[in-house]
All heavy atoms as atom14 arrays in JSON, in Angstrom:
{
  "sequence": "DVFAPYDGRVAELTINQYEQPQLNKPFLVIVGQSRLEIEV",
  "atom14_mask": [
    [1, 1, 1, 1, 1, 1, 1, 1, 0, 0, 0, 0, 0, 0],
    [1, 1, 1, 1, 1, 1, 1, 0, 0, 0, 0, 0, 0, 0],
    [1, 1, 1, 1, 1, 1, 1, 1, 1, 1, 1, 0, 0, 0],
    [1, 1, 1, 1, 1, 0, 0, 0, 0, 0, 0, 0, 0, 0],
    [1, 1, 1, 1, 1, 1, 1, 0, 0, 0, 0, 0, 0, 0],
    [1, 1, 1, 1, 1, 1, 1, 1, 1, 1, 1, 1, 0, 0],
    [1, 1, 1, 1, 1, 1, 1, 1, 0, 0, 0, 0, 0, 0],
    [1, 1, 1, 1, 0, 0, 0, 0, 0, 0, 0, 0, 0, 0],
    [1, 1, 1, 1, 1, 1, 1, 1, 1, 1, 1, 0, 0, 0],
    [1, 1, 1, 1, 1, 1, 1, 0, 0, 0, 0, 0, 0, 0],
    [1, 1, 1, 1, 1, 0, 0, 0, 0, 0, 0, 0, 0, 0],
    [1, 1, 1, 1, 1, 1, 1, 1, 1, 0, 0, 0, 0, 0],
    [1, 1, 1, 1, 1, 1, 1, 1, 0, 0, 0, 0, 0, 0],
    [1, 1, 1, 1, 1, 1, 1, 0, 0, 0, 0, 0, 0, 0],
    [1, 1, 1, 1, 1, 1, 1, 1, 0, 0, 0, 0, 0, 0],
    [1, 1, 1, 1, 1, 1, 1, 1, 0, 0, 0, 0, 0, 0],
    [1, 1, 1, 1, 1, 1, 1, 1, 1, 0, 0, 0, 0, 0],
    [1, 1, 1, 1, 1, 1, 1, 1, 1, 1, 1, 1, 0, 0],
    [1, 1, 1, 1, 1, 1, 1, 1, 1, 0, 0, 0, 0, 0],
    [1, 1, 1, 1, 1, 1, 1, 1, 1, 0, 0, 0, 0, 0],
    [1, 1, 1, 1, 1, 1, 1, 0, 0, 0, 0, 0, 0, 0],
    [1, 1, 1, 1, 1, 1, 1, 1, 1, 0, 0, 0, 0, 0],
    [1, 1, 1, 1, 1, 1, 1, 1, 0, 0, 0, 0, 0, 0],
    [1, 1, 1, 1, 1, 1, 1, 1, 0, 0, 0, 0, 0, 0],
    [1, 1, 1, 1, 1, 1, 1, 1, 1, 0, 0, 0, 0, 0],
    [1, 1, 1, 1, 1, 1, 1, 0, 0, 0, 0, 0, 0, 0],
    [1, 1, 1, 1, 1, 1, 1, 1, 1, 1, 1, 0, 0, 0],
    [1, 1, 1, 1, 1, 1, 1, 1, 0, 0, 0, 0, 0, 0],
    [1, 1, 1, 1, 1, 1, 1, 0, 0, 0, 0, 0, 0, 0],
    [1, 1, 1, 1, 1, 1, 1, 1, 0, 0, 0, 0, 0, 0],
    [1, 1, 1, 1, 1, 1, 1, 0, 0, 0, 0, 0, 0, 0],
    [1, 1, 1, 1, 0, 0, 0, 0, 0, 0, 0, 0, 0, 0],
    [1, 1, 1, 1, 1, 1, 1, 1, 1, 0, 0, 0, 0, 0],
    [1, 1, 1, 1, 1, 1, 0, 0, 0, 0, 0, 0, 0, 0],
    [1, 1, 1, 1, 1, 1, 1, 1, 1, 1, 1, 0, 0, 0],
    [1, 1, 1, 1, 1, 1, 1, 1, 0, 0, 0, 0, 0, 0],
    [1, 1, 1, 1, 1, 1, 1, 1, 1, 0, 0, 0, 0, 0],
    [1, 1, 1, 1, 1, 1, 1, 1, 0, 0, 0, 0, 0, 0],
    [1, 1, 1, 1, 1, 1, 1, 1, 1, 0, 0, 0, 0, 0],
    [1, 1, 1, 1, 1, 1, 1, 0, 0, 0, 0, 0, 0, 0]
  ],
  "atom14_positions": [
    [[103.58, 177.11, 97.53], [104.52, 177.11, 96.3], [104.71, 178.6, 95.94], [103.8, 179.33, 95.73], [103.83, 176.44, 95.09], [103.62, 174.93, 95.44], [104.53, 174.29, 96.1], [102.55, 174.35, 94.96], [0.0, 0.0, 0.0], [0.0, 0.0, 0.0], [0.0, 0.0, 0.0], [0.0, 0.0, 0.0], [0.0, 0.0, 0.0], [0.0, 0.0, 0.0]],
    [[106.01, 178.96, 95.92], [106.41, 180.38, 95.62], [106.85, 180.41, 94.16], [107.86, 179.79, 93.81], [107.59, 180.83, 96.51], [107.91, 182.26, 96.23], [107.16, 180.67, 97.98], [0.0, 0.0, 0.0], [0.0, 0.0, 0.0], [0.0, 0.0, 0.0], [0.0, 0.0, 0.0], [0.0, 0.0, 0.0], [0.0, 0.0, 0.0], [0.0, 0.0, 0.0]],
    [[106.08, 181.17, 93.34], [106.42, 181.29, 91.91], [106.99, 182.64, 91.68], [106.72, 183.73, 92.36], [105.08, 181.12, 91.19], [104.52, 179.74, 91.22], [103.45, 179.53, 92.14], [105.04, 178.68, 90.46], [102.9, 178.22, 92.24], [104.44, 177.41, 90.61], [103.39, 177.2, 91.46], [0.0, 0.0, 0.0], [0.0, 0.0, 0.0], [0.0, 0.0, 0.0]],
    [[107.82, 182.7, 90.58], [108.48, 184.02, 90.25], [107.46, 185.06, 89.72], [106.69, 184.75, 88.79], [109.56, 183.73, 89.2], [0.0, 0.0, 0.0], [0.0, 0.0, 0.0], [0.0, 0.0, 0.0], [0.0, 0.0, 0.0], [0.0, 0.0, 0.0], [0.0, 0.0, 0.0], [0.0, 0.0, 0.0], [0.0, 0.0, 0.0], [0.0, 0.0, 0.0]],
    [[107.46, 186.21, 90.33], [106.51, 187.3, 89.85], [106.96, 187.96, 88.54], [106.17, 188.64, 87.91], [106.42, 188.26, 90.99], [107.78, 188.13, 91.64], [108.2, 186.66, 91.5], [0.0, 0.0, 0.0], [0.0, 0.0, 0.0], [0.0, 0.0, 0.0], [0.0, 0.0, 0.0], [0.0, 0.0, 0.0], [0.0, 0.0, 0.0], [0.0, 0.0, 0.0]],
    [[108.26, 187.79, 88.18], [108.76, 188.41, 86.98], [110.11, 187.7, 86.62], [110.56, 186.83, 87.33], [109.05, 189.95, 87.17], [109.71, 190.25, 88.58], [111.0, 189.92, 88.86], [108.88, 190.78, 89.57], [111.59, 190.17, 90.02], [109.52, 191.07, 90.75], [110.85, 190.8, 90.99], [111.37, 191.07, 92.27], [0.0, 0.0, 0.0], [0.0, 0.0, 0.0]],
    [[110.59, 188.05, 85.43], [111.93, 187.47, 85.06], [112.97, 188.13, 85.89], [112.95, 189.35, 86.21], [112.17, 187.86, 83.57], [111.23, 187.21, 82.66], [110.51, 186.31, 83.05], [111.23, 187.55, 81.43], [0.0, 0.0, 0.0], [0.0, 0.0, 0.0], [0.0, 0.0, 0.0], [0.0, 0.0, 0.0], [0.0, 0.0, 0.0], [0.0, 0.0, 0.0]],
    [[113.95, 187.28, 86.35], [115.03, 187.85, 87.12], [115.98, 186.78, 87.5], [116.2, 185.76, 86.88], [0.0, 0.0, 0.0], [0.0, 0.0, 0.0], [0.0, 0.0, 0.0], [0.0, 0.0, 0.0], [0.0, 0.0, 0.0], [0.0, 0.0, 0.0], [0.0, 0.0, 0.0], [0.0, 0.0, 0.0], [0.0, 0.0, 0.0], [0.0, 0.0, 0.0]],
    [[116.72, 187.04, 88.63], [117.77, 186.23, 89.12], [117.7, 186.11, 90.64], [117.23, 187.11, 91.25], [119.13, 186.73, 88.6], [119.34, 186.59, 87.14], [120.72, 187.17, 86.7], [121.77, 186.4, 87.08], [123.05, 186.55, 86.84], [123.43, 187.7, 86.18], [124.0, 185.8, 87.19], [0.0, 0.0, 0.0], [0.0, 0.0, 0.0], [0.0, 0.0, 0.0]],
    [[118.27, 185.07, 91.17], [118.33, 184.91, 92.6], [119.51, 185.63, 93.12], [120.64, 185.41, 92.74], [118.38, 183.41, 93.01], [118.51, 183.25, 94.49], [117.17, 182.67, 92.55], [0.0, 0.0, 0.0], [0.0, 0.0, 0.0], [0.0, 0.0, 0.0], [0.0, 0.0, 0.0], [0.0, 0.0, 0.0], [0.0, 0.0, 0.0], [0.0, 0.0, 0.0]],
    [[119.26, 186.61, 93.94], [120.37, 187.43, 94.52], [120.89, 186.81, 95.83], [122.1, 186.92, 96.16], [119.96, 188.83, 94.73], [0.0, 0.0, 0.0], [0.0, 0.0, 0.0], [0.0, 0.0, 0.0], [0.0, 0.0, 0.0], [0.0, 0.0, 0.0], [0.0, 0.0, 0.0], [0.0, 0.0, 0.0], [0.0, 0.0, 0.0], [0.0, 0.0, 0.0]],
    [[120.06, 186.25, 96.65], [120.51, 185.69, 97.9], [119.53, 184.56, 98.34], [118.27, 184.69, 98.18], [120.41, 186.71, 98.97], [120.94, 186.3, 100.36], [121.01, 187.45, 101.39], [120.7, 188.59, 100.95], [121.28, 187.16, 102.53], [0.0, 0.0, 0.0], [0.0, 0.0, 0.0], [0.0, 0.0, 0.0], [0.0, 0.0, 0.0], [0.0, 0.0, 0.0]],
    [[120.02, 183.46, 98.8], [119.26, 182.28, 99.24], [119.93, 181.83, 100.56], [121.07, 181.46, 100.59], [119.35, 181.17, 98.24], [118.61, 179.88, 98.6], [117.08, 180.06, 98.7], [118.92, 178.76, 97.57], [0.0, 0.0, 0.0], [0.0, 0.0, 0.0], [0.0, 0.0, 0.0], [0.0, 0.0, 0.0], [0.0, 0.0, 0.0], [0.0, 0.0, 0.0]],
    [[119.11, 181.88, 101.69], [119.62, 181.57, 102.96], [118.97, 180.3, 103.61], [118.95, 180.2, 104.83], [119.53, 182.75, 103.92], [117.99, 183.06, 104.07], [120.17, 184.01, 103.42], [0.0, 0.0, 0.0], [0.0, 0.0, 0.0], [0.0, 0.0, 0.0], [0.0, 0.0, 0.0], [0.0, 0.0, 0.0], [0.0, 0.0, 0.0], [0.0, 0.0, 0.0]],
    [[118.47, 179.43, 102.79], [117.78, 178.26, 103.28], [118.14, 177.08, 102.41], [118.38, 177.26, 101.22], [116.32, 178.4, 103.43], [115.73, 177.4, 104.34], [115.65, 178.4, 102.04], [114.22, 177.6, 104.62], [0.0, 0.0, 0.0], [0.0, 0.0, 0.0], [0.0, 0.0, 0.0], [0.0, 0.0, 0.0], [0.0, 0.0, 0.0], [0.0, 0.0, 0.0]],
    [[118.12, 175.86, 102.95], [118.4, 174.67, 102.23], [117.19, 173.82, 102.25], [116.2, 174.03, 103.04], [119.59, 173.92, 102.8], [120.86, 174.71, 102.66], [121.22, 175.23, 101.62], [121.58, 174.83, 103.77], [0.0, 0.0, 0.0], [0.0, 0.0, 0.0], [0.0, 0.0, 0.0], [0.0, 0.0, 0.0], [0.0, 0.0, 0.0], [0.0, 0.0, 0.0]],
    [[117.21, 172.72, 101.35], [116.06, 171.81, 101.32], [116.0, 171.05, 102.61], [117.03, 170.76, 103.29], [116.4, 170.84, 100.17], [115.13, 169.88, 99.84], [115.32, 169.06, 98.62], [116.51, 169.03, 98.16], [114.32, 168.45, 98.13], [0.0, 0.0, 0.0], [0.0, 0.0, 0.0], [0.0, 0.0, 0.0], [0.0, 0.0, 0.0], [0.0, 0.0, 0.0]],
    [[114.71, 170.8, 103.09], [114.39, 170.12, 104.35], [114.49, 171.06, 105.6], [114.13, 170.61, 106.65], [115.22, 168.86, 104.58], [115.17, 167.94, 103.39], [116.29, 167.52, 102.75], [113.96, 167.41, 102.95], [116.25, 166.65, 101.61], [113.9, 166.56, 101.86], [115.04, 166.21, 101.22], [115.0, 165.32, 100.11], [0.0, 0.0, 0.0], [0.0, 0.0, 0.0]],
    [[114.97, 172.23, 105.39], [114.95, 173.21, 106.52], [113.68, 173.96, 106.64], [112.91, 174.06, 105.64], [116.1, 174.18, 106.33], [117.47, 173.58, 106.51], [118.63, 174.61, 106.38], [118.29, 175.76, 105.93], [119.74, 174.37, 106.81], [0.0, 0.0, 0.0], [0.0, 0.0, 0.0], [0.0, 0.0, 0.0], [0.0, 0.0, 0.0], [0.0, 0.0, 0.0]],
    [[113.44, 174.49, 107.77], [112.2, 175.3, 108.01], [112.65, 176.71, 108.22], [113.38, 177.01, 109.15], [111.48, 174.82, 109.25], [110.13, 175.52, 109.5], [109.36, 174.91, 110.62], [109.11, 173.73, 110.63], [108.98, 175.72, 111.61], [0.0, 0.0, 0.0], [0.0, 0.0, 0.0], [0.0, 0.0, 0.0], [0.0, 0.0, 0.0], [0.0, 0.0, 0.0]],
    [[112.11, 177.67, 107.41], [112.6, 179.06, 107.59], [111.98, 179.66, 108.8], [110.94, 179.29, 109.28], [112.03, 179.68, 106.26], [110.85, 178.95, 105.91], [111.19, 177.44, 106.32], [0.0, 0.0, 0.0], [0.0, 0.0, 0.0], [0.0, 0.0, 0.0], [0.0, 0.0, 0.0], [0.0, 0.0, 0.0], [0.0, 0.0, 0.0], [0.0, 0.0, 0.0]],
    [[112.69, 180.69, 109.35], [112.15, 181.44, 110.45], [110.97, 182.28, 110.02], [110.96, 182.87, 108.92], [113.23, 182.32, 111.06], [114.44, 181.5, 111.56], [115.4, 182.48, 112.26], [115.08, 183.57, 112.75], [116.66, 182.08, 112.28], [0.0, 0.0, 0.0], [0.0, 0.0, 0.0], [0.0, 0.0, 0.0], [0.0, 0.0, 0.0], [0.0, 0.0, 0.0]],
    [[110.02, 182.41, 110.88], [108.78, 183.16, 110.58], [109.15, 184.64, 110.27], [109.84, 185.32, 111.0], [107.76, 183.02, 111.66], [107.27, 181.66, 112.0], [106.26, 181.73, 113.11], [106.64, 181.0, 110.79], [0.0, 0.0, 0.0], [0.0, 0.0, 0.0], [0.0, 0.0, 0.0], [0.0, 0.0, 0.0], [0.0, 0.0, 0.0], [0.0, 0.0, 0.0]],
    [[108.57, 185.08, 109.12], [108.62, 186.54, 108.74], [110.16, 187.01, 108.57], [110.39, 188.18, 108.62], [107.94, 187.37, 109.76], [106.48, 187.02, 109.83], [105.81, 186.82, 108.81], [105.94, 187.05, 110.97], [0.0, 0.0, 0.0], [0.0, 0.0, 0.0], [0.0, 0.0, 0.0], [0.0, 0.0, 0.0], [0.0, 0.0, 0.0], [0.0, 0.0, 0.0]],
    [[111.08, 186.08, 108.39], [112.43, 186.44, 108.14], [112.82, 186.07, 106.67], [112.55, 184.94, 106.3], [113.4, 185.72, 109.06], [114.85, 186.19, 108.86], [115.76, 185.41, 109.83], [117.17, 185.93, 109.63], [118.15, 185.32, 110.6], [0.0, 0.0, 0.0], [0.0, 0.0, 0.0], [0.0, 0.0, 0.0], [0.0, 0.0, 0.0], [0.0, 0.0, 0.0]],
    [[113.24, 187.09, 105.86], [113.54, 186.77, 104.45], [114.51, 185.63, 104.32], [115.52, 185.54, 104.97], [114.1, 188.02, 103.91], [113.6, 189.13, 104.88], [113.51, 188.5, 106.2], [0.0, 0.0, 0.0], [0.0, 0.0, 0.0], [0.0, 0.0, 0.0], [0.0, 0.0, 0.0], [0.0, 0.0, 0.0], [0.0, 0.0, 0.0], [0.0, 0.0, 0.0]],
    [[114.16, 184.74, 103.36], [115.05, 183.51, 103.1], [115.42, 183.56, 101.6], [116.3, 182.76, 101.23], [114.33, 182.29, 103.41], [113.08, 182.06, 102.73], [113.13, 181.31, 101.42], [111.84, 182.42, 103.08], [111.89, 181.16, 100.67], [110.71, 182.23, 102.39], [110.68, 181.53, 101.15], [0.0, 0.0, 0.0], [0.0, 0.0, 0.0], [0.0, 0.0, 0.0]],
    [[114.8, 184.39, 100.83], [115.13, 184.51, 99.39], [114.98, 185.9, 98.9], [113.96, 186.59, 99.17], [114.14, 183.52, 98.62], [114.3, 183.64, 97.11], [115.66, 182.86, 96.66], [113.15, 182.71, 96.49], [0.0, 0.0, 0.0], [0.0, 0.0, 0.0], [0.0, 0.0, 0.0], [0.0, 0.0, 0.0], [0.0, 0.0, 0.0], [0.0, 0.0, 0.0]],
    [[116.05, 186.33, 98.23], [115.98, 187.73, 97.67], [116.12, 187.59, 96.18], [117.06, 186.91, 95.64], [117.15, 188.62, 98.16], [117.17, 189.93, 97.5], [116.99, 188.79, 99.66], [0.0, 0.0, 0.0], [0.0, 0.0, 0.0], [0.0, 0.0, 0.0], [0.0, 0.0, 0.0], [0.0, 0.0, 0.0], [0.0, 0.0, 0.0], [0.0, 0.0, 0.0]],
    [[115.19, 188.21, 95.36], [115.29, 188.17, 93.97], [115.26, 189.52, 93.28], [114.76, 190.5, 93.93], [114.09, 187.37, 93.33], [112.7, 188.04, 93.81], [114.11, 185.87, 93.83], [111.5, 187.4, 93.19], [0.0, 0.0, 0.0], [0.0, 0.0, 0.0], [0.0, 0.0, 0.0], [0.0, 0.0, 0.0], [0.0, 0.0, 0.0], [0.0, 0.0, 0.0]],
    [[115.89, 189.63, 92.18], [115.99, 190.97, 91.48], [115.59, 190.79, 90.12], [115.94, 189.73, 89.45], [117.41, 191.55, 91.63], [117.68, 192.0, 93.01], [118.41, 190.63, 91.08], [0.0, 0.0, 0.0], [0.0, 0.0, 0.0], [0.0, 0.0, 0.0], [0.0, 0.0, 0.0], [0.0, 0.0, 0.0], [0.0, 0.0, 0.0], [0.0, 0.0, 0.0]],
    [[114.89, 191.74, 89.57], [114.51, 191.61, 88.1], [115.65, 192.14, 87.2], [116.51, 192.94, 87.66], [0.0, 0.0, 0.0], [0.0, 0.0, 0.0], [0.0, 0.0, 0.0], [0.0, 0.0, 0.0], [0.0, 0.0, 0.0], [0.0, 0.0, 0.0], [0.0, 0.0, 0.0], [0.0, 0.0, 0.0], [0.0, 0.0, 0.0], [0.0, 0.0, 0.0]],
    [[115.68, 191.75, 86.04], [116.75, 192.08, 85.05], [116.2, 192.96, 83.91], [117.03, 193.55, 83.26], [117.33, 190.79, 84.43], [117.95, 189.84, 85.51], [119.2, 190.44, 86.09], [120.14, 190.9, 85.46], [119.18, 190.56, 87.43], [0.0, 0.0, 0.0], [0.0, 0.0, 0.0], [0.0, 0.0, 0.0], [0.0, 0.0, 0.0], [0.0, 0.0, 0.0]],
    [[114.96, 193.06, 83.72], [114.42, 193.75, 82.57], [114.22, 195.25, 82.83], [114.3, 196.05, 81.94], [113.13, 193.15, 82.13], [112.17, 193.2, 83.23], [0.0, 0.0, 0.0], [0.0, 0.0, 0.0], [0.0, 0.0, 0.0], [0.0, 0.0, 0.0], [0.0, 0.0, 0.0], [0.0, 0.0, 0.0], [0.0, 0.0, 0.0], [0.0, 0.0, 0.0]],
    [[113.9, 195.61, 84.08], [113.74, 197.06, 84.39], [114.79, 197.63, 85.3], [114.77, 197.3, 86.53], [112.3, 197.27, 84.97], [111.19, 196.77, 84.13], [109.83, 197.41, 84.48], [109.44, 197.04, 85.85], [108.43, 197.55, 86.5], [107.77, 198.56, 85.95], [108.09, 197.11, 87.72], [0.0, 0.0, 0.0], [0.0, 0.0, 0.0], [0.0, 0.0, 0.0]],
    [[115.68, 198.33, 84.77], [116.78, 198.86, 85.57], [116.76, 200.43, 85.57], [116.26, 201.01, 84.55], [118.12, 198.47, 85.06], [118.38, 196.94, 84.96], [119.72, 196.66, 84.27], [118.41, 196.31, 86.33], [0.0, 0.0, 0.0], [0.0, 0.0, 0.0], [0.0, 0.0, 0.0], [0.0, 0.0, 0.0], [0.0, 0.0, 0.0], [0.0, 0.0, 0.0]],
    [[117.17, 201.02, 86.6], [117.23, 202.47, 86.77], [118.59, 202.83, 87.1], [119.34, 202.15, 87.71], [116.22, 202.98, 87.8], [114.76, 202.81, 87.38], [113.85, 203.44, 88.46], [114.23, 203.6, 89.63], [112.72, 203.75, 88.08], [0.0, 0.0, 0.0], [0.0, 0.0, 0.0], [0.0, 0.0, 0.0], [0.0, 0.0, 0.0], [0.0, 0.0, 0.0]],
    [[118.95, 204.11, 86.8], [120.24, 204.72, 87.2], [119.96, 205.91, 88.16], [119.17, 206.83, 87.89], [120.95, 205.28, 85.95], [121.12, 204.24, 84.83], [122.34, 205.83, 86.3], [121.55, 204.75, 83.53], [0.0, 0.0, 0.0], [0.0, 0.0, 0.0], [0.0, 0.0, 0.0], [0.0, 0.0, 0.0], [0.0, 0.0, 0.0], [0.0, 0.0, 0.0]],
    [[120.65, 205.82, 89.33], [120.5, 206.85, 90.3], [121.83, 207.63, 90.34], [122.83, 207.07, 90.54], [120.25, 206.25, 91.72], [118.89, 205.61, 91.86], [118.62, 205.17, 93.34], [119.52, 205.46, 94.22], [117.65, 204.51, 93.57], [0.0, 0.0, 0.0], [0.0, 0.0, 0.0], [0.0, 0.0, 0.0], [0.0, 0.0, 0.0], [0.0, 0.0, 0.0]],
    [[121.68, 208.99, 90.06], [122.81, 209.88, 90.17], [122.54, 211.13, 91.02], [121.28, 211.41, 91.21], [123.24, 210.31, 88.68], [123.68, 209.22, 87.84], [122.01, 211.1, 88.03], [0.0, 0.0, 0.0], [0.0, 0.0, 0.0], [0.0, 0.0, 0.0], [0.0, 0.0, 0.0], [0.0, 0.0, 0.0], [0.0, 0.0, 0.0], [0.0, 0.0, 0.0]]
  ]
}
């Protein structure tokens, strides 16, 4: 069971229900919304 480590949003999801993800290949990308930085 994968639980959210912080408040955020789903940026990318590459798997569907009943599918088996490839080993060690990212299937879910999440980004936090509360801590943002500006790079200049």
